[in-house]
């Protein structure tokens, strides 16, 4: 069961990294990225 949890956590971090990379040119703070991702998950 721990492997599934670790995999899900890794996927969440990858998605967060992608969102931050894509929205880098926009005037959004890094903390806002985290808030947005938390709302999605």
Protein backbone atom coordinates (compact mmCIF):
# COMPACT_ATOMS: atom_id res chain seq x y z
CA UNK A 1 0.00 0.00 0.00
CA UNK A 2 2.92 2.33 0.67
CA UNK A 3 4.04 2.05 -2.97
CA UNK A 4 0.67 3.34 -4.17
CA UNK A 5 0.87 6.30 -1.79
CA UNK A 6 4.43 7.09 -2.89
CA UNK A 7 3.42 6.88 -6.55
CA UNK A 8 0.44 9.20 -6.02
CA UNK A 9 2.64 11.70 -4.17
CA UNK A 10 5.17 11.61 -7.00
CA UNK A 11 2.43 12.23 -9.56
CA UNK A 12 1.17 15.21 -7.55
CA UNK A 13 4.66 16.72 -7.42
CA UNK A 14 5.11 16.20 -11.17
CA UNK A 15 1.80 17.95 -11.89
CA UNK A 16 2.75 20.81 -9.56
CA UNK A 17 6.08 21.17 -11.37
CA UNK A 18 4.36 21.22 -14.75
CA UNK A 19 1.84 23.84 -13.61
CA UNK A 20 4.62 26.02 -12.21
CA UNK A 21 6.66 25.65 -15.39
CA UNK A 22 3.76 26.46 -17.70
CA UNK A 23 2.59 29.45 -15.66
CA UNK A 24 6.09 30.82 -14.97
CA UNK A 25 5.59 33.86 -17.28
CA UNK A 26 2.32 34.76 -15.55
CA UNK A 27 2.28 37.04 -12.50
CA UNK A 28 1.23 34.26 -10.09
CA UNK A 29 3.18 33.58 -6.91
CA UNK A 30 4.51 30.10 -6.15
CA UNK A 31 2.20 29.81 -3.17
CA UNK A 32 -0.78 30.38 -5.46
CA UNK A 33 0.31 27.39 -7.57
CA UNK A 34 0.13 25.22 -4.47
CA UNK A 35 -3.33 26.56 -3.59
CA UNK A 36 -4.59 25.87 -7.12
CA UNK A 37 -3.23 22.32 -7.14
CA UNK A 38 -4.70 21.58 -3.70
CA UNK A 39 -8.11 22.67 -4.96
CA UNK A 40 -7.81 20.26 -7.90
CA UNK A 41 -6.88 17.31 -5.70
